[in-house]
Amino acid sequence: CSLCRGAAVRMLAKHDTLPEWMPQECLHDADSDT
């Protein structure tokens, strides 16, 4: 589920624990909120 995938990203971002590669990859995600 793209909504659930986005929720995992938001949790990692909230705690400032996104891996370095993830923000760039998520810029191309199918979910607009992600």
PDB file of all heavy atoms in Angstrom:
ATOM      1  N   CYS A   1       0.838  -1.202   0.000  1.00  0.00           N
ATOM      2  CA  CYS A   1       0.000   0.000   0.000  1.00  0.00           C
ATOM      3  C   CYS A   1       0.874   1.253   0.000  1.00  0.00           C
ATOM      4  O   CYS A   1       1.722   1.422   0.884  1.00  0.00           O
ATOM      5  CB  CYS A   1      -0.908  -0.026   1.235  1.00  0.00           C
ATOM      6  SG  CYS A   1      -1.870   1.464   1.489  1.00  0.00           S
ATOM      7  N   SER A   2       0.665   2.142  -0.959  1.00  0.00           N
ATOM      8  CA  SER A   2       1.486   3.345  -1.034  1.00  0.00           C
ATOM      9  C   SER A   2       1.213   4.282   0.139  1.00  0.00           C
ATOM     10  O   SER A   2       2.116   5.006   0.583  1.00  0.00           O
ATOM     11  CB  SER A   2       1.245   4.074  -2.360  1.00  0.00           C
ATOM     12  OG  SER A   2      -0.093   4.479  -2.480  1.00  0.00           O
ATOM     13  N   LEU A   3      -0.013   4.274   0.677  1.00  0.00           N
ATOM     14  CA  LEU A   3      -0.315   5.099   1.842  1.00  0.00           C
ATOM     15  C   LEU A   3       0.480   4.626   3.053  1.00  0.00           C
ATOM     16  O   LEU A   3       1.038   5.429   3.803  1.00  0.00           O
ATOM     17  CB  LEU A   3      -1.813   5.049   2.134  1.00  0.00           C
ATOM     18  CG  LEU A   3      -2.335   6.036   3.176  1.00  0.00           C
ATOM     19  CD1 LEU A   3      -2.285   7.459   2.637  1.00  0.00           C
ATOM     20  CD2 LEU A   3      -3.760   5.688   3.588  1.00  0.00           C
ATOM     21  N   CYS A   4       0.559   3.308   3.234  1.00  0.00           N
ATOM     22  CA  CYS A   4       1.327   2.757   4.358  1.00  0.00           C
ATOM     23  C   CYS A   4       2.823   2.971   4.161  1.00  0.00           C
ATOM     24  O   CYS A   4       3.553   3.239   5.127  1.00  0.00           O
ATOM     25  CB  CYS A   4       1.025   1.264   4.511  1.00  0.00           C
ATOM     26  SG  CYS A   4      -0.671   0.908   5.021  1.00  0.00           S
ATOM     27  N   ARG A   5       3.275   2.851   2.938  1.00  0.00           N
ATOM     28  CA  ARG A   5       4.686   3.132   2.669  1.00  0.00           C
ATOM     29  C   ARG A   5       5.018   4.571   3.052  1.00  0.00           C
ATOM     30  O   ARG A   5       6.051   4.852   3.673  1.00  0.00           O
ATOM     31  CB  ARG A   5       4.997   2.896   1.187  1.00  0.00           C
ATOM     32  CG  ARG A   5       6.469   3.112   0.825  1.00  0.00           C
ATOM     33  CD  ARG A   5       6.764   2.734  -0.609  1.00  0.00           C
ATOM     34  NE  ARG A   5       6.058   3.590  -1.569  1.00  0.00           N
ATOM     35  CZ  ARG A   5       5.038   3.187  -2.323  1.00  0.00           C
ATOM     36  NH1 ARG A   5       4.576   1.964  -2.219  1.00  0.00           N
ATOM     37  NH2 ARG A   5       4.454   4.020  -3.172  1.00  0.00           N
ATOM     38  N   GLY A   6       4.128   5.483   2.692  1.00  0.00           N
ATOM     39  CA  GLY A   6       4.337   6.879   3.053  1.00  0.00           C
ATOM     40  C   GLY A   6       4.338   7.089   4.554  1.00  0.00           C
ATOM     41  O   GLY A   6       5.069   7.937   5.074  1.00  0.00           O
ATOM     42  N   ALA A   7       3.514   6.328   5.280  1.00  0.00           N
ATOM     43  CA  ALA A   7       3.475   6.456   6.736  1.00  0.00           C
ATOM     44  C   ALA A   7       4.818   6.047   7.353  1.00  0.00           C
ATOM     45  O   ALA A   7       5.273   6.660   8.330  1.00  0.00           O
ATOM     46  CB  ALA A   7       2.352   5.605   7.301  1.00  0.00           C
ATOM     47  N   ALA A   8       5.451   5.014   6.802  1.00  0.00           N
ATOM     48  CA  ALA A   8       6.778   4.615   7.291  1.00  0.00           C
ATOM     49  C   ALA A   8       7.798   5.723   7.035  1.00  0.00           C
ATOM     50  O   ALA A   8       8.635   6.029   7.897  1.00  0.00           O
ATOM     51  CB  ALA A   8       7.215   3.323   6.609  1.00  0.00           C
ATOM     52  N   VAL A   9       7.707   6.350   5.872  1.00  0.00           N
ATOM     53  CA  VAL A   9       8.613   7.457   5.552  1.00  0.00           C
ATOM     54  C   VAL A   9       8.397   8.621   6.511  1.00  0.00           C
ATOM     55  O   VAL A   9       9.359   9.214   7.027  1.00  0.00           O
ATOM     56  CB  VAL A   9       8.401   7.913   4.088  1.00  0.00           C
ATOM     57  CG1 VAL A   9       9.236   9.157   3.789  1.00  0.00           C
ATOM     58  CG2 VAL A   9       8.769   6.793   3.122  1.00  0.00           C
ATOM     59  N   ARG A  10       7.128   8.942   6.782  1.00  0.00           N
ATOM     60  CA  ARG A  10       6.838  10.059   7.689  1.00  0.00           C
ATOM     61  C   ARG A  10       7.376   9.789   9.094  1.00  0.00           C
ATOM     62  O   ARG A  10       7.869  10.702   9.760  1.00  0.00           O
ATOM     63  CB  ARG A  10       5.328  10.314   7.742  1.00  0.00           C
ATOM     64  CG  ARG A  10       4.776  11.006   6.508  1.00  0.00           C
ATOM     65  CD  ARG A  10       3.360  11.509   6.727  1.00  0.00           C
ATOM     66  NE  ARG A  10       2.419  10.423   6.941  1.00  0.00           N
ATOM     67  CZ  ARG A  10       1.832   9.742   5.963  1.00  0.00           C
ATOM     68  NH1 ARG A  10       2.106  10.018   4.695  1.00  0.00           N
ATOM     69  NH2 ARG A  10       0.969   8.781   6.240  1.00  0.00           N
ATOM     70  N   MET A  11       7.274   8.530   9.555  1.00  0.00           N
ATOM     71  CA  MET A  11       7.772   8.218  10.884  1.00  0.00           C
ATOM     72  C   MET A  11       9.293   8.353  10.941  1.00  0.00           C
ATOM     73  O   MET A  11       9.852   8.918  11.899  1.00  0.00           O
ATOM     74  CB  MET A  11       7.346   6.811  11.303  1.00  0.00           C
ATOM     75  CG  MET A  11       7.563   6.537  12.788  1.00  0.00           C
ATOM     76  SD  MET A  11       7.022   4.883  13.327  1.00  0.00           S
ATOM     77  CE  MET A  11       5.286   4.936  12.893  1.00  0.00           C
ATOM     78  N   LEU A  12       9.965   7.862   9.929  1.00  0.00           N
ATOM     79  CA  LEU A  12      11.422   8.002   9.881  1.00  0.00           C
ATOM     80  C   LEU A  12      11.834   9.465   9.817  1.00  0.00           C
ATOM     81  O   LEU A  12      12.799   9.889  10.467  1.00  0.00           O
ATOM     82  CB  LEU A  12      11.971   7.243   8.674  1.00  0.00           C
ATOM     83  CG  LEU A  12      11.929   5.711   8.764  1.00  0.00           C
ATOM     84  CD1 LEU A  12      12.121   5.087   7.387  1.00  0.00           C
ATOM     85  CD2 LEU A  12      13.001   5.204   9.732  1.00  0.00           C
ATOM     86  N   ALA A  13      11.087  10.262   9.040  1.00  0.00           N
ATOM     87  CA  ALA A  13      11.400  11.687   8.926  1.00  0.00           C
ATOM     88  C   ALA A  13      11.127  12.413  10.243  1.00  0.00           C
ATOM     89  O   ALA A  13      11.901  13.289  10.660  1.00  0.00           O
ATOM     90  CB  ALA A  13      10.578  12.303   7.798  1.00  0.00           C
ATOM     91  N   LYS A  14      10.035  12.063  10.902  1.00  0.00           N
ATOM     92  CA  LYS A  14       9.668  12.688  12.178  1.00  0.00           C
ATOM     93  C   LYS A  14      10.786  12.551  13.195  1.00  0.00           C
ATOM     94  O   LYS A  14      11.055  13.474  13.982  1.00  0.00           O
ATOM     95  CB  LYS A  14       8.378  12.054  12.697  1.00  0.00           C
ATOM     96  CG  LYS A  14       7.969  12.488  14.093  1.00  0.00           C
ATOM     97  CD  LYS A  14       6.738  11.726  14.543  1.00  0.00           C
ATOM     98  CE  LYS A  14       6.375  12.049  15.990  1.00  0.00           C
ATOM     99  NZ  LYS A  14       5.165  11.285  16.443  1.00  0.00           N
ATOM    100  N   HIS A  15      11.444  11.390  13.202  1.00  0.00           N
ATOM    101  CA  HIS A  15      12.520  11.130  14.167  1.00  0.00           C
ATOM    102  C   HIS A  15      13.902  11.419  13.580  1.00  0.00           C
ATOM    103  O   HIS A  15      14.922  11.059  14.180  1.00  0.00           O
ATOM    104  CB  HIS A  15      12.435   9.682  14.650  1.00  0.00           C
ATOM    105  CG  HIS A  15      11.195   9.396  15.435  1.00  0.00           C
ATOM    106  ND1 HIS A  15      11.055   9.727  16.770  1.00  0.00           N
ATOM    107  CD2 HIS A  15      10.009   8.829  15.077  1.00  0.00           C
ATOM    108  CE1 HIS A  15       9.857   9.361  17.196  1.00  0.00           C
ATOM    109  NE2 HIS A  15       9.199   8.816  16.199  1.00  0.00           N
ATOM    110  N   ASP A  16      13.910  12.073  12.414  1.00  0.00           N
ATOM    111  CA  ASP A  16      15.159  12.456  11.744  1.00  0.00           C
ATOM    112  C   ASP A  16      16.077  11.261  11.533  1.00  0.00           C
ATOM    113  O   ASP A  16      17.286  11.318  11.776  1.00  0.00           O
ATOM    114  CB  ASP A  16      15.881  13.543  12.558  1.00  0.00           C
ATOM    115  CG  ASP A  16      16.937  14.266  11.721  1.00  0.00           C
ATOM    116  OD1 ASP A  16      16.833  14.230  10.477  1.00  0.00           O
ATOM    117  OD2 ASP A  16      17.859  14.861  12.320  1.00  0.00           O
ATOM    118  N   THR A  17      15.472  10.136  11.093  1.00  0.00           N
ATOM    119  CA  THR A  17      16.250   8.911  10.882  1.00  0.00           C
ATOM    120  C   THR A  17      16.095   8.375   9.460  1.00  0.00           C
ATOM    121  O   THR A  17      16.294   7.181   9.223  1.00  0.00           O
ATOM    122  CB  THR A  17      15.817   7.828  11.895  1.00  0.00           C
ATOM    123  OG1 THR A  17      14.389   7.690  11.881  1.00  0.00           O
ATOM    124  CG2 THR A  17      16.270   8.174  13.298  1.00  0.00           C
ATOM    125  N   LEU A  18      15.734   9.240   8.515  1.00  0.00           N
ATOM    126  CA  LEU A  18      15.686   8.795   7.120  1.00  0.00           C
ATOM    127  C   LEU A  18      17.096   8.489   6.630  1.00  0.00           C
ATOM    128  O   LEU A  18      18.003   9.305   6.810  1.00  0.00           O
ATOM    129  CB  LEU A  18      15.096   9.890   6.223  1.00  0.00           C
ATOM    130  CG  LEU A  18      13.580  10.016   6.117  1.00  0.00           C
ATOM    131  CD1 LEU A  18      13.242  11.138   5.143  1.00  0.00           C
ATOM    132  CD2 LEU A  18      12.943   8.726   5.650  1.00  0.00           C
ATOM    133  N   PRO A  19      17.319   7.336   6.011  1.00  0.00           N
ATOM    134  CA  PRO A  19      18.627   7.082   5.399  1.00  0.00           C
ATOM    135  C   PRO A  19      18.925   8.132   4.315  1.00  0.00           C
ATOM    136  O   PRO A  19      17.990   8.707   3.723  1.00  0.00           O
ATOM    137  CB  PRO A  19      18.464   5.693   4.768  1.00  0.00           C
ATOM    138  CG  PRO A  19      17.304   5.083   5.468  1.00  0.00           C
ATOM    139  CD  PRO A  19      16.391   6.206   5.846  1.00  0.00           C
ATOM    140  N   GLU A  20      20.160   8.383   4.037  1.00  0.00           N
ATOM    141  CA  GLU A  20      20.541   9.447   3.097  1.00  0.00           C
ATOM    142  C   GLU A  20      19.931   9.241   1.713  1.00  0.00           C
ATOM    143  O   GLU A  20      19.569  10.200   1.038  1.00  0.00           O
ATOM    144  CB  GLU A  20      22.068   9.527   2.991  1.00  0.00           C
ATOM    145  CG  GLU A  20      22.744  10.087   4.244  1.00  0.00           C
ATOM    146  CD  GLU A  20      24.238  10.257   4.041  1.00  0.00           C
ATOM    147  OE1 GLU A  20      24.707  10.045   2.901  1.00  0.00           O
ATOM    148  OE2 GLU A  20      24.934  10.611   5.006  1.00  0.00           O
ATOM    149  N   TRP A  21      19.794   7.987   1.286  1.00  0.00           N
ATOM    150  CA  TRP A  21      19.299   7.715  -0.061  1.00  0.00           C
ATOM    151  C   TRP A  21      17.787   7.873  -0.200  1.00  0.00           C
ATOM    152  O   TRP A  21      17.271   8.076  -1.303  1.00  0.00           O
ATOM    153  CB  TRP A  21      19.660   6.280  -0.478  1.00  0.00           C
ATOM    154  CG  TRP A  21      19.179   5.222   0.489  1.00  0.00           C
ATOM    155  CD1 TRP A  21      19.887   4.689   1.533  1.00  0.00           C
ATOM    156  CD2 TRP A  21      17.878   4.612   0.540  1.00  0.00           C
ATOM    157  NE1 TRP A  21      19.119   3.778   2.223  1.00  0.00           N
ATOM    158  CE2 TRP A  21      17.884   3.708   1.632  1.00  0.00           C
ATOM    159  CE3 TRP A  21      16.726   4.730  -0.228  1.00  0.00           C
ATOM    160  CZ2 TRP A  21      16.772   2.926   1.973  1.00  0.00           C
ATOM    161  CZ3 TRP A  21      15.609   3.956   0.104  1.00  0.00           C
ATOM    162  CH2 TRP A  21      15.641   3.068   1.187  1.00  0.00           C
ATOM    163  N   MET A  22      17.053   7.814   0.918  1.00  0.00           N
ATOM    164  CA  MET A  22      15.592   7.711   0.833  1.00  0.00           C
ATOM    165  C   MET A  22      14.898   8.984   0.344  1.00  0.00           C
ATOM    166  O   MET A  22      13.992   8.904  -0.495  1.00  0.00           O
ATOM    167  CB  MET A  22      15.017   7.260   2.166  1.00  0.00           C
ATOM    168  CG  MET A  22      13.511   6.973   2.102  1.00  0.00           C
ATOM    169  SD  MET A  22      12.827   6.332   3.653  1.00  0.00           S
ATOM    170  CE  MET A  22      13.251   4.593   3.514  1.00  0.00           C
ATOM    171  N   PRO A  23      15.266  10.188   0.811  1.00  0.00           N
ATOM    172  CA  PRO A  23      14.549  11.371   0.333  1.00  0.00           C
ATOM    173  C   PRO A  23      14.586  11.511  -1.190  1.00  0.00           C
ATOM    174  O   PRO A  23      13.570  11.834  -1.812  1.00  0.00           O
ATOM    175  CB  PRO A  23      15.274  12.532   1.028  1.00  0.00           C
ATOM    176  CG  PRO A  23      15.846  11.918   2.259  1.00  0.00           C
ATOM    177  CD  PRO A  23      16.244  10.534   1.863  1.00  0.00           C
ATOM    178  N   GLN A  24      15.748  11.256  -1.779  1.00  0.00           N
ATOM    179  CA  GLN A  24      15.856  11.384  -3.233  1.00  0.00           C
ATOM    180  C   GLN A  24      14.972  10.358  -3.945  1.00  0.00           C
ATOM    181  O   GLN A  24      14.304  10.679  -4.929  1.00  0.00           O
ATOM    182  CB  GLN A  24      17.320  11.205  -3.670  1.00  0.00           C
ATOM    183  CG  GLN A  24      17.575  11.500  -5.133  1.00  0.00           C
ATOM    184  CD  GLN A  24      17.235  12.932  -5.518  1.00  0.00           C
ATOM    185  OE1 GLN A  24      17.430  13.861  -4.732  1.00  0.00           O
ATOM    186  NE2 GLN A  24      16.720  13.116  -6.730  1.00  0.00           N
ATOM    187  N   GLU A  25      14.936   9.141  -3.426  1.00  0.00           N
ATOM    188  CA  GLU A  25      14.095   8.119  -4.033  1.00  0.00           C
ATOM    189  C   GLU A  25      12.613   8.474  -3.875  1.00  0.00           C
ATOM    190  O   GLU A  25      11.812   8.308  -4.809  1.00  0.00           O
ATOM    191  CB  GLU A  25      14.380   6.768  -3.397  1.00  0.00           C
ATOM    192  CG  GLU A  25      13.554   5.625  -3.980  1.00  0.00           C
ATOM    193  CD  GLU A  25      13.986   4.263  -3.461  1.00  0.00           C
ATOM    194  OE1 GLU A  25      15.091   3.822  -3.843  1.00  0.00           O
ATOM    195  OE2 GLU A  25      13.241   3.654  -2.674  1.00  0.00           O
ATOM    196  N   CYS A  26      12.252   8.989  -2.706  1.00  0.00           N
ATOM    197  CA  CYS A  26      10.844   9.281  -2.431  1.00  0.00           C
ATOM    198  C   CYS A  26      10.327  10.483  -3.218  1.00  0.00           C
ATOM    199  O   CYS A  26       9.111  10.672  -3.321  1.00  0.00           O
ATOM    200  CB  CYS A  26      10.642   9.510  -0.949  1.00  0.00           C
ATOM    201  SG  CYS A  26      10.779   8.000   0.042  1.00  0.00           S
ATOM    202  N   LEU A  27      11.206  11.291  -3.760  1.00  0.00           N
ATOM    203  CA  LEU A  27      10.765  12.388  -4.617  1.00  0.00           C
ATOM    204  C   LEU A  27      10.059  11.877  -5.861  1.00  0.00           C
ATOM    205  O   LEU A  27       9.365  12.644  -6.543  1.00  0.00           O
ATOM    206  CB  LEU A  27      11.960  13.264  -5.020  1.00  0.00           C
ATOM    207  CG  LEU A  27      12.571  14.124  -3.916  1.00  0.00           C
ATOM    208  CD1 LEU A  27      13.837  14.811  -4.421  1.00  0.00           C
ATOM    209  CD2 LEU A  27      11.562  15.164  -3.411  1.00  0.00           C
ATOM    210  N   HIS A  28      10.218  10.596  -6.159  1.00  0.00           N
ATOM    211  CA  HIS A  28       9.597   9.991  -7.344  1.00  0.00           C
ATOM    212  C   HIS A  28       8.508   8.988  -6.955  1.00  0.00           C
ATOM    213  O   HIS A  28       8.080   8.199  -7.795  1.00  0.00           O
ATOM    214  CB  HIS A  28      10.667   9.303  -8.192  1.00  0.00           C
ATOM    215  CG  HIS A  28      11.821  10.191  -8.531  1.00  0.00           C
ATOM    216  ND1 HIS A  28      11.742  11.148  -9.517  1.00  0.00           N
ATOM    217  CD2 HIS A  28      13.064  10.300  -7.994  1.00  0.00           C
ATOM    218  CE1 HIS A  28      12.895  11.795  -9.584  1.00  0.00           C
ATOM    219  NE2 HIS A  28      13.711  11.302  -8.674  1.00  0.00           N
ATOM    220  N   ASP A  29       8.051   9.021  -5.698  1.00  0.00           N
ATOM    221  CA  ASP A  29       7.056   8.061  -5.229  1.00  0.00           C
ATOM    222  C   ASP A  29       5.703   8.320  -5.884  1.00  0.00           C
ATOM    223  O   ASP A  29       5.377   9.449  -6.279  1.00  0.00           O
ATOM    224  CB  ASP A  29       6.920   8.159  -3.707  1.00  0.00           C
ATOM    225  CG  ASP A  29       6.239   6.946  -3.109  1.00  0.00           C
ATOM    226  OD1 ASP A  29       4.999   6.956  -3.017  1.00  0.00           O
ATOM    227  OD2 ASP A  29       6.951   6.000  -2.752  1.00  0.00           O
ATOM    228  N   ALA A  30       4.894   7.265  -5.981  1.00  0.00           N
ATOM    229  CA  ALA A  30       3.562   7.405  -6.570  1.00  0.00           C
ATOM    230  C   ALA A  30       2.633   8.222  -5.682  1.00  0.00           C
ATOM    231  O   ALA A  30       1.666   8.814  -6.186  1.00  0.00           O
ATOM    232  CB  ALA A  30       2.951   6.020  -6.809  1.00  0.00           C
ATOM    233  N   ASP A  31       2.885   8.285  -4.387  1.00  0.00           N
ATOM    234  CA  ASP A  31       2.019   8.995  -3.452  1.00  0.00           C
ATOM    235  C   ASP A  31       2.476  10.441  -3.306  1.00  0.00           C
ATOM    236  O   ASP A  31       3.636  10.712  -2.977  1.00  0.00           O
ATOM    237  CB  ASP A  31       2.046   8.292  -2.093  1.00  0.00           C
ATOM    238  CG  ASP A  31       1.146   8.968  -1.084  1.00  0.00           C
ATOM    239  OD1 ASP A  31      -0.080   8.852  -1.236  1.00  0.00           O
ATOM    240  OD2 ASP A  31       1.673   9.618  -0.164  1.00  0.00           O
ATOM    241  N   SER A  32       1.563  11.379  -3.527  1.00  0.00           N
ATOM    242  CA  SER A  32       1.930  12.800  -3.515  1.00  0.00           C
ATOM    243  C   SER A  32       2.378  13.260  -2.129  1.00  0.00           C
ATOM    244  O   SER A  32       3.289  14.087  -2.007  1.00  0.00           O
ATOM    245  CB  SER A  32       0.755  13.654  -4.002  1.00  0.00           C
ATOM    246  OG  SER A  32      -0.393  13.438  -3.192  1.00  0.00           O
ATOM    247  N   ASP A  33       1.749  12.746  -1.069  1.00  0.00           N
ATOM    248  CA  ASP A  33       2.153  13.135   0.285  1.00  0.00           C
ATOM    249  C   ASP A  33       3.573  12.673   0.598  1.00  0.00           C
ATOM    250  O   ASP A  33       4.342  13.382   1.261  1.00  0.00           O
ATOM    251  CB  ASP A  33       1.185  12.560   1.313  1.00  0.00           C
ATOM    252  CG  ASP A  33      -0.175  13.232   1.282  1.00  0.00           C
ATOM    253  OD1 ASP A  33      -0.267  14.355   0.744  1.00  0.00           O
ATOM    254  OD2 ASP A  33      -1.148  12.633   1.766  1.00  0.00           O
ATOM    255  N   THR A  34       3.928  11.467   0.125  1.00  0.00           N
ATOM    256  CA  THR A  34       5.289  10.966   0.349  1.00  0.00           C
ATOM    257  C   THR A  34       6.305  11.831  -0.380  1.00  0.00           C
ATOM    258  O   THR A  34       7.378  12.141   0.158  1.00  0.00           O
ATOM    259  CB  THR A  34       5.397   9.503  -0.124  1.00  0.00           C
ATOM    260  OG1 THR A  34       4.442   8.706   0.589  1.00  0.00           O
ATOM    261  CG2 THR A  34       6.791   8.947   0.117  1.00  0.00           C
TER     262      THR A  34
END
